[in-house]
Amino acid sequence: MTIDDLADVFDLGERLFSARHSPNTYRTGDEYEVTDFFYSDTEFCLVAVHEGRLIGFALGTIIDKASSA
């Protein structure tokens, strides 16, 4: 993912992850969630592009837990 992908990722997420379309996986987010992930863990922010069009994305992070391997 690059900074130029942020708007498309946000738009796609808004369209896909709604209570109407995905009642079992729906959760609320905020308008800063995509940028927060991008600026904190860029290497875990991936996009899928087909013929120049963004068709998917994955946002991830590593959570450090005390007393955990």
N, C-alpha and C. Protein backbone atom coordinates (compact mmCIF):
# COMPACT_ATOMS: atom_id res chain seq x y z
N MET A 1 0.84 -1.17 0.00
CA MET A 1 0.00 0.00 0.00
C MET A 1 0.89 1.23 0.00
N THR A 2 0.48 2.21 -0.76
CA THR A 2 1.16 3.50 -0.75
C THR A 2 0.18 4.55 -0.26
N ILE A 3 0.68 5.73 0.01
CA ILE A 3 -0.18 6.81 0.47
C ILE A 3 -1.28 7.12 -0.55
N ASP A 4 -0.99 6.91 -1.82
CA ASP A 4 -1.99 7.17 -2.86
C ASP A 4 -3.16 6.19 -2.82
N ASP A 5 -3.01 5.07 -2.13
CA ASP A 5 -4.07 4.07 -2.03
C ASP A 5 -5.05 4.33 -0.89
N LEU A 6 -4.72 5.23 0.02
CA LEU A 6 -5.51 5.39 1.24
C LEU A 6 -6.98 5.71 0.97
N ALA A 7 -7.25 6.62 0.07
CA ALA A 7 -8.65 6.99 -0.21
C ALA A 7 -9.43 5.81 -0.78
N ASP A 8 -8.80 5.05 -1.70
CA ASP A 8 -9.48 3.90 -2.29
C ASP A 8 -9.71 2.80 -1.26
N VAL A 9 -8.75 2.58 -0.37
CA VAL A 9 -8.91 1.58 0.68
C VAL A 9 -10.05 1.98 1.61
N PHE A 10 -10.08 3.22 2.02
CA PHE A 10 -11.15 3.69 2.90
C PHE A 10 -12.51 3.52 2.23
N ASP A 11 -12.60 3.92 0.96
CA ASP A 11 -13.86 3.81 0.22
C ASP A 11 -14.32 2.36 0.10
N LEU A 12 -13.40 1.48 -0.25
CA LEU A 12 -13.75 0.06 -0.39
C LEU A 12 -14.19 -0.51 0.96
N GLY A 13 -13.49 -0.18 2.02
CA GLY A 13 -13.86 -0.65 3.35
C GLY A 13 -15.24 -0.17 3.77
N GLU A 14 -15.55 1.07 3.47
CA GLU A 14 -16.87 1.61 3.79
C GLU A 14 -17.98 0.87 3.04
N ARG A 15 -17.71 0.50 1.80
CA ARG A 15 -18.72 -0.19 0.99
C ARG A 15 -18.87 -1.66 1.40
N LEU A 16 -17.76 -2.32 1.74
CA LEU A 16 -17.80 -3.75 2.03
C LEU A 16 -18.21 -4.08 3.46
N PHE A 17 -17.69 -3.36 4.42
CA PHE A 17 -17.90 -3.72 5.82
C PHE A 17 -19.04 -2.90 6.41
N SER A 18 -20.23 -3.25 6.01
CA SER A 18 -21.42 -2.59 6.56
C SER A 18 -22.28 -3.66 7.23
N ALA A 19 -23.15 -3.22 8.11
CA ALA A 19 -24.04 -4.17 8.78
C ALA A 19 -24.94 -4.87 7.78
N ARG A 20 -25.31 -4.18 6.73
CA ARG A 20 -26.19 -4.77 5.72
C ARG A 20 -25.50 -5.86 4.91
N HIS A 21 -24.26 -5.63 4.50
CA HIS A 21 -23.54 -6.58 3.65
C HIS A 21 -22.82 -7.67 4.43
N SER A 22 -22.37 -7.36 5.61
CA SER A 22 -21.57 -8.32 6.39
C SER A 22 -22.01 -8.32 7.85
N PRO A 23 -23.21 -8.79 8.14
CA PRO A 23 -23.69 -8.71 9.52
C PRO A 23 -22.85 -9.48 10.54
N ASN A 24 -22.17 -10.54 10.10
CA ASN A 24 -21.36 -11.33 11.03
C ASN A 24 -19.97 -10.75 11.27
N THR A 25 -19.49 -9.93 10.35
CA THR A 25 -18.15 -9.37 10.50
C THR A 25 -18.16 -7.86 10.66
N TYR A 26 -19.34 -7.27 10.72
CA TYR A 26 -19.45 -5.82 10.83
C TYR A 26 -18.92 -5.33 12.17
N ARG A 27 -18.19 -4.27 12.11
CA ARG A 27 -17.77 -3.57 13.31
C ARG A 27 -17.56 -2.11 12.94
N THR A 28 -17.70 -1.25 13.89
CA THR A 28 -17.53 0.15 13.59
C THR A 28 -16.05 0.50 13.60
N GLY A 29 -15.70 1.40 12.75
CA GLY A 29 -14.35 1.94 12.70
C GLY A 29 -14.47 3.44 12.63
N ASP A 30 -13.37 4.12 12.53
CA ASP A 30 -13.47 5.56 12.37
C ASP A 30 -12.69 5.97 11.14
N GLU A 31 -12.82 7.23 10.79
CA GLU A 31 -12.20 7.71 9.56
C GLU A 31 -10.69 7.73 9.61
N TYR A 32 -10.09 7.56 10.78
CA TYR A 32 -8.64 7.56 10.91
C TYR A 32 -8.03 6.17 10.98
N GLU A 33 -8.84 5.14 11.00
CA GLU A 33 -8.33 3.79 11.19
C GLU A 33 -7.33 3.40 10.10
N VAL A 34 -7.66 3.65 8.85
CA VAL A 34 -6.77 3.27 7.75
C VAL A 34 -5.45 4.02 7.84
N THR A 35 -5.50 5.31 8.09
CA THR A 35 -4.25 6.08 8.19
C THR A 35 -3.44 5.68 9.42
N ASP A 36 -4.13 5.37 10.53
CA ASP A 36 -3.41 4.92 11.72
C ASP A 36 -2.63 3.64 11.44
N PHE A 37 -3.28 2.67 10.79
CA PHE A 37 -2.58 1.43 10.42
C PHE A 37 -1.42 1.74 9.48
N PHE A 38 -1.68 2.57 8.47
CA PHE A 38 -0.66 2.87 7.47
C PHE A 38 0.58 3.50 8.09
N TYR A 39 0.40 4.45 8.97
CA TYR A 39 1.55 5.14 9.55
C TYR A 39 2.22 4.37 10.68
N SER A 40 1.52 3.42 11.30
CA SER A 40 2.15 2.68 12.39
C SER A 40 2.78 1.37 11.92
N ASP A 41 2.17 0.67 10.97
CA ASP A 41 2.69 -0.62 10.49
C ASP A 41 2.58 -0.74 8.98
N THR A 42 3.29 0.11 8.27
CA THR A 42 3.20 0.15 6.82
C THR A 42 3.43 -1.21 6.17
N GLU A 43 4.34 -1.99 6.73
CA GLU A 43 4.67 -3.28 6.12
C GLU A 43 3.53 -4.29 6.22
N PHE A 44 2.54 -4.02 7.06
CA PHE A 44 1.39 -4.91 7.20
C PHE A 44 0.13 -4.35 6.53
N CYS A 45 0.30 -3.37 5.67
CA CYS A 45 -0.81 -2.78 4.93
C CYS A 45 -0.62 -3.14 3.46
N LEU A 46 -1.47 -4.02 2.98
CA LEU A 46 -1.32 -4.56 1.64
C LEU A 46 -2.56 -4.26 0.80
N VAL A 47 -2.36 -4.09 -0.51
CA VAL A 47 -3.49 -3.92 -1.42
C VAL A 47 -3.39 -4.95 -2.53
N ALA A 48 -4.55 -5.29 -3.05
CA ALA A 48 -4.64 -6.16 -4.23
C ALA A 48 -5.11 -5.28 -5.37
N VAL A 49 -4.36 -5.32 -6.47
CA VAL A 49 -4.68 -4.50 -7.63
C VAL A 49 -4.80 -5.40 -8.85
N HIS A 50 -5.85 -5.17 -9.62
CA HIS A 50 -6.06 -5.93 -10.86
C HIS A 50 -6.32 -4.93 -11.97
N GLU A 51 -5.50 -4.99 -12.99
CA GLU A 51 -5.62 -4.10 -14.15
C GLU A 51 -5.69 -2.64 -13.72
N GLY A 52 -4.83 -2.27 -12.76
CA GLY A 52 -4.73 -0.90 -12.30
C GLY A 52 -5.81 -0.45 -11.33
N ARG A 53 -6.68 -1.36 -10.93
CA ARG A 53 -7.79 -1.01 -10.03
C ARG A 53 -7.64 -1.75 -8.70
N LEU A 54 -7.78 -1.02 -7.60
CA LEU A 54 -7.70 -1.63 -6.29
C LEU A 54 -8.95 -2.49 -6.06
N ILE A 55 -8.72 -3.77 -5.76
CA ILE A 55 -9.85 -4.69 -5.59
C ILE A 55 -9.88 -5.33 -4.20
N GLY A 56 -8.88 -5.06 -3.37
CA GLY A 56 -8.87 -5.62 -2.03
C GLY A 56 -7.75 -5.04 -1.20
N PHE A 57 -7.82 -5.28 0.10
CA PHE A 57 -6.77 -4.79 0.99
C PHE A 57 -6.73 -5.64 2.25
N ALA A 58 -5.60 -5.56 2.95
CA ALA A 58 -5.44 -6.20 4.25
C ALA A 58 -4.67 -5.23 5.14
N LEU A 59 -5.18 -5.01 6.33
CA LEU A 59 -4.53 -4.16 7.31
C LEU A 59 -4.19 -5.01 8.52
N GLY A 60 -2.96 -4.92 8.99
CA GLY A 60 -2.56 -5.73 10.13
C GLY A 60 -1.63 -4.97 11.05
N THR A 61 -1.41 -5.55 12.19
CA THR A 61 -0.50 -4.98 13.16
C THR A 61 0.00 -6.09 14.08
N ILE A 62 1.06 -5.84 14.78
CA ILE A 62 1.57 -6.78 15.77
C ILE A 62 1.27 -6.17 17.14
N ILE A 63 0.67 -6.99 17.99
CA ILE A 63 0.34 -6.56 19.33
C ILE A 63 1.29 -7.25 20.29
N ASP A 64 2.04 -6.47 21.04
CA ASP A 64 2.92 -7.01 22.06
C ASP A 64 2.15 -7.19 23.35
N LYS A 65 2.22 -8.40 23.87
CA LYS A 65 1.55 -8.69 25.14
C LYS A 65 2.59 -9.10 26.17
N ALA A 66 2.47 -8.54 27.34
CA ALA A 66 3.39 -8.88 28.43
C ALA A 66 3.28 -10.36 28.75
N SER A 67 4.39 -10.98 29.06
CA SER A 67 4.46 -12.41 29.42
C SER A 67 3.96 -13.31 28.32
N SER A 68 4.24 -12.94 27.08
CA SER A 68 3.79 -13.74 25.94
C SER A 68 4.97 -13.97 25.00
N ALA A 69 4.99 -15.14 24.37
CA ALA A 69 6.04 -15.42 23.40
C ALA A 69 5.75 -14.58 22.19
